[in-house]
C-alpha cells in the first residue's frame, strides 16, 4: 500500500492551525481506518484529545489513513481499537497522527499550541492500556471509595471493609502504569476541561479516579500514629503488643504482597478472600470500630451494641453484652491504644454482674 504523506500546515499565515483525525466506526478485528482534517483553534471542531504513552517505537502497526498506509506504535493501535465507535465517527487529536513527526519546524510550532489544544478539546482521554486483571479489580472499587468519601467514611471505616482493603493494592497498582512516568501528563491533564481515564473497556472520570487515590490517605489514629500502621498492627493480632517488636512490619510486607497477588500458599486458589479468612489471625476473629474511634480485633460473635470493658487487675480488654440487668462475657479482644492501661481509670470502675 502507498504510504500516507502530509499536506503542510499553512503556519506562516494561520498560526493556530492544527490537524484532527476522524476515526471511522468499526469493531472486532476490522481494519482501523481514519482521515485527517485541518482545523483552527480559534474556531475548533468538537474533538477529544488523547493523552497516552507512545510505547516501543520499534514495534509498529499499520492503519489506513485516507486509503493509504500509516504506521503507529502498538500501544496507540490498541487504543484506537478500543476507542473507535461501532456506528459513528469519532474526532480525535493525537500527537503521533496529527503532527507530522518528520517535520521539525511543524513539531516545534505545534508544541507551542499544546496548552490550547488540550484546553479546547471537549475532553481528554487518558489511555492506560488494556490493563491487567489486578488493575481491573482496582477500577472496580473506585465507585465504592467515592461512596465512602461522599458519606464521609473515615479511613478506619474503610479499613474495616474487607472487600475494600483487599483490593486497595490493586488500585495503587494502577499508579505503577508507565503512563504516570511521563512528564507531559501534568500539562495534558491540568489544561483539560474534562478528563476520562480509559483502561481497556473500563472508564472512570479523572475526578473520581484521583479522589479514590488520595481519599483519607493522611489520616491519623487517636494515638497520633498513621492509621494504616494501626490497621496492620491490629489486623496481625496486635503483634506490637505481644512482644514481637517490629516483626509486625515484616508480616505487614508479606501480607501486602499477598493482597497484591504474589506469594499465594501452595495449592491455594488465586482469590485472596477465599483463604485469607482462614489465616490463624482471622480465625474466629473480626475487626471492629468503637463509637469513639478505636479499632480492634475481637470475637467473631461480637456485634453492634456490645461494650469493651477494662477490669481492675486485668490487662486484656473484654467484650461484654448487656443481658437483662447483668452483662454476658463474649470474649477477649485487642484494641489498639488501650492495651497498656492508657484508658484505665480506677475512679470510674463500677461493680458489674457477669452471667
Protein backbone atom coordinates (compact mmCIF):
# COMPACT_ATOMS: atom_id res chain seq x y z
CA UNK A 1 0.00 0.00 0.00
CA UNK A 2 1.16 3.58 -0.73
CA UNK A 3 2.48 5.50 2.29
CA UNK A 4 0.43 8.46 3.54
CA UNK A 5 2.03 11.92 3.05
CA UNK A 6 1.06 15.06 4.98
CA UNK A 7 -0.01 18.30 3.37
CA UNK A 8 1.99 21.03 5.16
CA UNK A 9 0.05 23.31 7.52
CA UNK A 10 -0.08 26.99 6.45
CA UNK A 11 1.76 28.14 9.58
CA UNK A 12 3.04 31.38 8.07
CA UNK A 13 -0.45 32.79 7.60
CA UNK A 14 -2.52 30.71 10.06
CA UNK A 15 -0.57 30.18 13.26
CA UNK A 16 -3.48 28.50 15.07
CA UNK A 17 -3.91 25.72 12.51
CA UNK A 18 -3.87 22.13 13.70
CA UNK A 19 -5.00 18.77 12.38
CA UNK A 20 -7.60 16.46 13.86
CA UNK A 21 -8.34 12.91 12.81
CA UNK A 22 -11.65 11.23 12.15
CA UNK A 23 -11.64 7.64 13.40
CA UNK A 24 -14.12 5.65 11.32
CA UNK A 25 -16.53 3.23 13.02
CA UNK A 26 -15.61 -0.43 13.31
CA UNK A 27 -15.39 -3.34 15.72
CA UNK A 28 -13.54 -6.56 16.36
CA UNK A 29 -10.64 -7.23 14.02
CA UNK A 30 -11.86 -4.99 11.21
CA UNK A 31 -9.14 -2.68 9.82
CA UNK A 32 -8.61 0.68 11.51
CA UNK A 33 -9.49 3.46 9.08
CA UNK A 34 -9.28 7.21 9.55
CA UNK A 35 -8.81 10.53 7.82
CA UNK A 36 -7.04 13.82 8.57
CA UNK A 37 -8.74 17.24 8.66
CA UNK A 38 -7.29 20.69 9.15
CA UNK A 39 -8.85 22.85 11.86
CA UNK A 40 -8.43 26.21 13.57
CA UNK A 41 -8.07 26.63 17.32
CA UNK A 42 -9.95 29.92 17.07
CA UNK A 43 -12.98 28.01 15.82
CA UNK A 44 -12.27 24.39 16.74
CA UNK A 45 -14.44 21.40 15.86
CA UNK A 46 -15.84 19.11 18.56
CA UNK A 47 -12.89 16.82 19.30
CA UNK A 48 -11.31 14.77 22.08
CA UNK A 49 -7.58 14.84 22.82
CA UNK A 50 -5.68 11.66 23.65
CA UNK A 51 -3.14 11.55 26.48
CA UNK A 52 -1.16 8.34 26.29
CA UNK A 53 2.27 6.73 26.25
CA UNK A 54 3.78 6.07 22.84
CA UNK A 55 5.34 2.76 23.87
CA UNK A 56 8.06 0.99 21.92
CA UNK A 57 8.55 2.97 18.69
CA UNK A 58 10.28 -0.04 17.13
CA UNK A 59 7.04 -2.03 17.28
CA UNK A 60 4.84 -0.58 14.56
CA UNK A 61 1.35 -1.45 13.31
CA UNK A 62 -0.27 -0.25 10.12
CA UNK A 63 -3.61 1.57 9.81
CA UNK A 64 -5.39 3.04 6.80
CA UNK A 65 -5.13 6.85 6.59
CA UNK A 66 -7.33 8.13 3.76
CA UNK A 67 -6.78 4.85 1.96
CA UNK A 68 -3.02 4.90 2.44
CA UNK A 69 -0.67 3.11 4.80
CA UNK A 70 0.24 4.84 8.08
CA UNK A 71 2.49 3.39 10.80
CA UNK A 72 1.78 3.84 14.53
CA UNK A 73 3.01 2.19 17.73
CA UNK A 74 1.37 -0.91 19.15
CA UNK A 75 0.02 0.97 22.20
CA UNK A 76 -1.68 3.59 20.02
CA UNK A 77 -3.01 0.87 17.73
CA UNK A 78 -4.59 -0.86 20.72
CA UNK A 79 -6.02 2.46 21.94
CA UNK A 80 -7.70 3.16 18.59
CA UNK A 81 -9.25 -0.30 18.58
CA UNK A 82 -10.82 0.38 21.98
CA UNK A 83 -11.76 3.99 21.28
CA UNK A 84 -13.50 3.65 17.93
CA UNK A 85 -17.27 3.60 17.95
CA UNK A 86 -19.36 0.89 16.35
CA UNK A 87 -21.73 3.16 14.41
CA UNK A 88 -20.29 6.65 14.12
CA UNK A 89 -17.07 8.57 13.54
CA UNK A 90 -15.02 9.87 16.47
CA UNK A 91 -12.95 13.03 16.12
CA UNK A 92 -9.64 12.93 17.98
CA UNK A 93 -6.43 14.88 18.36
CA UNK A 94 -3.43 12.56 18.74
CA UNK A 95 0.09 13.95 18.54
CA UNK A 96 1.63 10.99 16.68
CA UNK A 97 -1.00 11.29 13.94
CA UNK A 98 -2.00 14.96 13.87
CA UNK A 99 1.57 16.30 13.85
CA UNK A 100 3.97 15.49 11.04
CA UNK A 101 6.71 13.96 13.18
CA UNK A 102 9.25 14.23 10.35
CA UNK A 103 8.75 17.99 10.05
CA UNK A 104 10.86 19.59 12.80
CA UNK A 105 9.54 23.09 12.18
CA UNK A 106 5.96 21.93 12.41
CA UNK A 107 6.66 19.88 15.54
CA UNK A 108 8.22 22.88 17.30
CA UNK A 109 5.28 25.07 16.31
CA UNK A 110 2.62 22.58 17.43
CA UNK A 111 4.33 22.07 20.81
CA UNK A 112 3.69 25.76 21.47
CA UNK A 113 -0.03 25.14 20.91
CA UNK A 114 -0.30 22.12 23.23
CA UNK A 115 -1.88 24.10 26.06
CA UNK A 116 -4.68 25.36 23.83
CA UNK A 117 -5.09 22.02 22.08
CA UNK A 118 -5.90 20.28 25.37
CA UNK A 119 -7.81 23.26 26.76
CA UNK A 120 -10.15 23.48 23.76
CA UNK A 121 -10.77 19.76 23.46
CA UNK A 122 -14.21 18.70 24.66
CA UNK A 123 -12.50 16.06 26.74
CA UNK A 124 -9.10 14.44 27.24
CA UNK A 125 -8.98 10.65 27.08
CA UNK A 126 -6.30 9.22 29.38
CA UNK A 127 -5.30 5.86 27.89
CA UNK A 128 -3.65 3.44 30.34
CA UNK A 129 -3.56 0.46 28.02
CA UNK A 130 -5.60 -2.73 28.13
CA UNK A 131 -4.75 -3.29 31.78
CA UNK A 132 -4.22 -6.45 33.81
CA UNK A 133 -6.69 -8.34 35.96
CA UNK A 134 -5.28 -6.63 39.07
CA UNK A 135 -5.80 -3.19 37.55
CA UNK A 136 -9.35 -4.10 36.50
CA UNK A 137 -10.05 -5.12 40.10
CA UNK A 138 -8.64 -1.77 41.19
CA UNK A 139 -11.02 0.06 38.87
CA UNK A 140 -13.90 -1.96 40.30
CA UNK A 141 -13.56 -0.49 43.82
CA UNK A 142 -13.36 3.16 42.73
CA UNK A 143 -17.18 3.64 42.94
CA UNK A 144 -17.10 2.23 46.48
CA UNK A 145 -14.30 4.57 47.52
CA UNK A 146 -16.20 7.53 46.05
CA UNK A 147 -19.28 6.45 48.01
CA UNK A 148 -17.16 6.21 51.15
CA UNK A 149 -15.82 9.70 50.51
CA UNK A 150 -19.28 11.19 49.94
CA UNK A 151 -20.58 9.50 53.08
CA UNK A 152 -17.52 10.85 54.92
CA UNK A 153 -16.21 7.43 55.91
CA UNK A 154 -13.05 7.65 57.93
CA UNK A 155 -10.01 5.63 56.90
CA UNK A 156 -10.81 3.41 59.86
CA UNK A 157 -14.24 2.58 58.43
CA UNK A 158 -12.68 1.91 55.02
CA UNK A 159 -10.15 -0.43 56.61
CA UNK A 160 -12.98 -2.42 58.24
CA UNK A 161 -14.46 -3.21 54.83
CA UNK A 162 -12.63 -6.36 53.77
CA UNK A 163 -13.58 -6.11 50.09
CA UNK A 164 -12.19 -2.60 50.05
CA UNK A 165 -8.89 -3.26 51.80
CA UNK A 166 -8.18 -6.47 49.91
CA UNK A 167 -8.42 -4.60 46.61
CA UNK A 168 -6.70 -1.35 47.60
CA UNK A 169 -3.29 -2.63 46.45
CA UNK A 170 -4.87 -3.24 43.03
CA UNK A 171 -5.94 0.40 42.95
CA UNK A 172 -2.46 1.57 43.88
CA UNK A 173 -1.04 -0.75 41.21
CA UNK A 174 -2.71 1.48 38.62
CA UNK A 175 -0.21 4.20 39.52
CA UNK A 176 2.62 1.83 38.55
CA UNK A 177 1.41 2.07 34.95
CA UNK A 178 4.22 3.53 32.77
CA UNK A 179 1.81 6.28 31.71
CA UNK A 180 2.33 8.07 35.02
CA UNK A 181 6.08 8.31 34.45
CA UNK A 182 5.52 10.73 31.55
CA UNK A 183 6.48 14.37 32.14
CA UNK A 184 3.83 15.69 29.76
CA UNK A 185 0.83 14.33 31.65
CA UNK A 186 0.83 17.28 34.04
CA UNK A 187 0.19 19.73 31.21
CA UNK A 188 -2.21 17.43 29.39
CA UNK A 189 -4.39 16.85 32.46
CA UNK A 190 -4.20 20.28 34.10
CA UNK A 191 -5.19 22.22 30.98
CA UNK A 192 -8.05 19.88 30.07
CA UNK A 193 -11.59 20.93 30.91
CA UNK A 194 -12.72 17.31 31.35
CA UNK A 195 -10.79 14.05 31.58
CA UNK A 196 -11.77 10.41 31.24
CA UNK A 197 -9.46 7.58 32.31
CA UNK A 198 -9.69 4.64 29.89
CA UNK A 199 -8.23 1.21 30.60
CA UNK A 200 -9.30 -1.36 28.03
CA UNK A 201 -13.07 -1.33 28.13
CA UNK A 202 -13.21 0.34 31.57
CA UNK A 203 -13.67 4.06 32.09
CA UNK A 204 -13.82 6.41 35.06
CA UNK A 205 -13.66 10.18 35.33
CA UNK A 206 -10.28 11.62 36.33
CA UNK A 207 -12.05 13.42 39.18
CA UNK A 208 -13.29 10.14 40.67
CA UNK A 209 -10.02 8.36 39.94
CA UNK A 210 -7.87 10.97 41.69
CA UNK A 211 -10.32 11.25 44.59
CA UNK A 212 -10.17 7.49 45.12
CA UNK A 213 -6.36 7.51 45.10
CA UNK A 214 -5.90 10.30 47.64
CA UNK A 215 -9.01 9.92 49.84
CA UNK A 216 -8.13 9.96 53.54
CA UNK A 217 -4.58 8.74 52.87
CA UNK A 218 -3.08 11.02 55.50
CA UNK A 219 -5.49 10.38 58.38
CA UNK A 220 -4.05 9.81 61.84
CA UNK A 221 -5.36 7.47 64.53
CA UNK A 222 -6.42 8.61 68.00
CA UNK A 223 -2.92 7.89 69.29
CA UNK A 224 -1.34 10.10 66.61
CA UNK A 225 0.02 7.12 64.63
CA UNK A 226 -0.60 6.72 60.89
CA UNK A 227 -3.93 4.94 60.53
CA UNK A 228 -2.52 2.37 58.08
CA UNK A 229 0.18 1.34 60.58
CA UNK A 230 -2.51 0.92 63.23
CA UNK A 231 -4.68 -1.12 60.88
CA UNK A 232 -1.89 -3.58 60.09
CA UNK A 233 -0.86 -3.99 63.73
CA UNK A 234 -4.48 -4.67 64.65
CA UNK A 235 -5.08 -6.99 61.70
CA UNK A 236 -2.00 -9.00 62.67
CA UNK A 237 -3.41 -9.61 66.12
CA UNK A 238 -1.76 -6.77 67.99
CA UNK A 239 1.71 -8.13 67.33
CA UNK A 240 3.37 -4.99 68.65
CA UNK A 241 1.63 -5.61 72.00
CA UNK A 242 2.54 -9.30 72.08
CA UNK A 243 6.26 -8.66 72.26
CA UNK A 244 7.13 -9.09 68.61
CA UNK A 245 8.58 -5.60 68.31
CA UNK A 246 8.99 -4.56 64.69
CA UNK A 247 8.21 -8.03 63.35
CA UNK A 248 4.70 -6.79 62.54
CA UNK A 249 6.28 -4.64 59.82
CA UNK A 250 7.74 -7.70 58.13
CA UNK A 251 4.41 -9.51 58.47
CA UNK A 252 2.70 -6.45 57.01
CA UNK A 253 5.02 -6.51 54.00
CA UNK A 254 4.24 -10.19 53.46
CA UNK A 255 0.51 -9.56 53.62
CA UNK A 256 0.70 -6.61 51.28
CA UNK A 257 2.47 -8.80 48.74
CA UNK A 258 -0.24 -11.40 49.22
CA UNK A 259 -3.01 -8.84 48.72
CA UNK A 260 -1.35 -7.58 45.55
CA UNK A 261 -1.40 -11.13 44.28
CA UNK A 262 2.04 -12.58 44.97
CA UNK A 263 3.20 -15.45 47.18
CA UNK A 264 -0.02 -17.44 47.33
CA UNK A 265 0.32 -20.53 49.54
CA UNK A 266 0.93 -23.72 47.61
CA UNK A 267 -2.37 -25.07 46.34
CA UNK A 268 -4.41 -22.01 47.30
CA UNK A 269 -6.71 -20.62 44.65
CA UNK A 270 -5.89 -17.13 43.44
CA UNK A 271 -8.72 -15.47 45.32
CA UNK A 272 -7.40 -13.60 48.33
CA UNK A 273 -10.68 -13.63 50.24
CA UNK A 274 -11.04 -17.41 49.94
CA UNK A 275 -8.04 -18.23 52.09
CA UNK A 276 -7.11 -15.06 53.97
CA UNK A 277 -10.11 -15.62 56.22
CA UNK A 278 -8.60 -18.97 57.22
CA UNK A 279 -5.34 -17.41 58.38
CA UNK A 280 -4.90 -18.02 62.17
CA UNK A 281 -5.10 -14.30 62.99
CA UNK A 282 -8.53 -14.14 61.41
CA UNK A 283 -9.87 -17.49 62.61
CA UNK A 284 -12.97 -16.81 64.73
CA UNK A 285 -11.95 -13.14 64.94
CA UNK A 286 -13.10 -9.99 63.21
CA UNK A 287 -12.16 -6.34 63.19
CA UNK A 288 -14.38 -3.71 64.77
CA UNK A 289 -14.57 0.01 65.49
CA UNK A 290 -15.83 1.63 68.69
CA UNK A 291 -18.05 4.72 68.80
CA UNK A 292 -15.15 6.85 69.96
CA UNK A 293 -12.89 5.75 67.12
CA UNK A 294 -10.77 2.88 68.44
CA UNK A 295 -10.27 -0.16 66.20
CA UNK A 296 -9.66 -3.68 67.39
CA UNK A 297 -9.76 -7.40 66.75
CA UNK A 298 -12.35 -9.37 68.68
CA UNK A 299 -14.52 -12.49 68.76
CA UNK A 300 -16.48 -13.23 65.62
CA UNK A 301 -19.61 -13.44 67.79
CA UNK A 302 -19.42 -9.78 68.83
CA UNK A 303 -21.97 -7.40 67.35
CA UNK A 304 -23.06 -3.77 67.33
CA UNK A 305 -24.06 -2.61 70.81
CA UNK A 306 -21.51 -4.74 72.68
CA UNK A 307 -19.26 -2.94 75.16
CA UNK A 308 -15.48 -3.00 75.63
CA UNK A 309 -14.52 -3.15 79.30
CA UNK A 310 -11.26 -2.90 81.25
CA UNK A 311 -11.27 -4.75 84.57
CA UNK A 312 -9.32 -3.99 87.72
CA UNK A 313 -6.34 -6.34 87.97
CA UNK A 314 -6.60 -7.44 84.34
CA UNK A 315 -4.57 -6.38 81.31
CA UNK A 316 -6.80 -7.60 78.47
CA UNK A 317 -9.91 -5.68 77.29
CA UNK A 318 -13.04 -7.82 77.29
CA UNK A 319 -16.14 -7.74 75.08
CA UNK A 320 -19.33 -7.61 77.15
CA UNK A 321 -23.01 -7.76 76.13
CA UNK A 322 -25.96 -6.47 78.12
CA UNK A 323 -28.23 -9.29 79.24
CA UNK A 324 -31.10 -8.04 81.35
CA UNK A 325 -29.61 -6.30 84.39
CA UNK A 326 -26.25 -8.09 84.02
CA UNK A 327 -23.51 -8.50 81.41
CA UNK A 328 -22.50 -11.53 79.38
CA UNK A 329 -18.82 -12.15 78.63
CA UNK A 330 -18.29 -12.63 74.88
CA UNK A 331 -14.50 -12.89 74.91
CA UNK A 332 -11.22 -11.01 74.99
CA UNK A 333 -10.11 -8.56 72.30
CA UNK A 334 -7.25 -6.41 71.09
CA UNK A 335 -7.98 -2.66 70.98
CA UNK A 336 -5.16 -0.52 69.67
CA UNK A 337 -4.40 2.28 72.09
CA UNK A 338 -5.75 0.79 75.32
CA UNK A 339 -3.57 -2.29 75.73
CA UNK A 340 -1.22 -0.67 78.23
CA UNK A 341 -3.89 0.69 80.60
CA UNK A 342 -3.89 4.04 78.78
CA UNK A 343 -7.67 4.33 79.28
CA UNK A 344 -7.98 2.60 82.64
CA UNK A 345 -9.38 4.82 85.42
CA UNK A 346 -9.77 3.31 88.90
CA UNK A 347 -12.20 6.06 89.91
CA UNK A 348 -14.51 5.15 87.04
CA UNK A 349 -14.78 1.46 87.91
CA UNK A 350 -18.15 0.02 88.91
CA UNK A 351 -19.38 -3.33 90.18
CA UNK A 352 -20.82 -5.47 87.39
CA UNK A 353 -22.77 -8.72 87.40
CA UNK A 354 -21.50 -11.16 84.76
CA UNK A 355 -23.61 -14.13 83.68
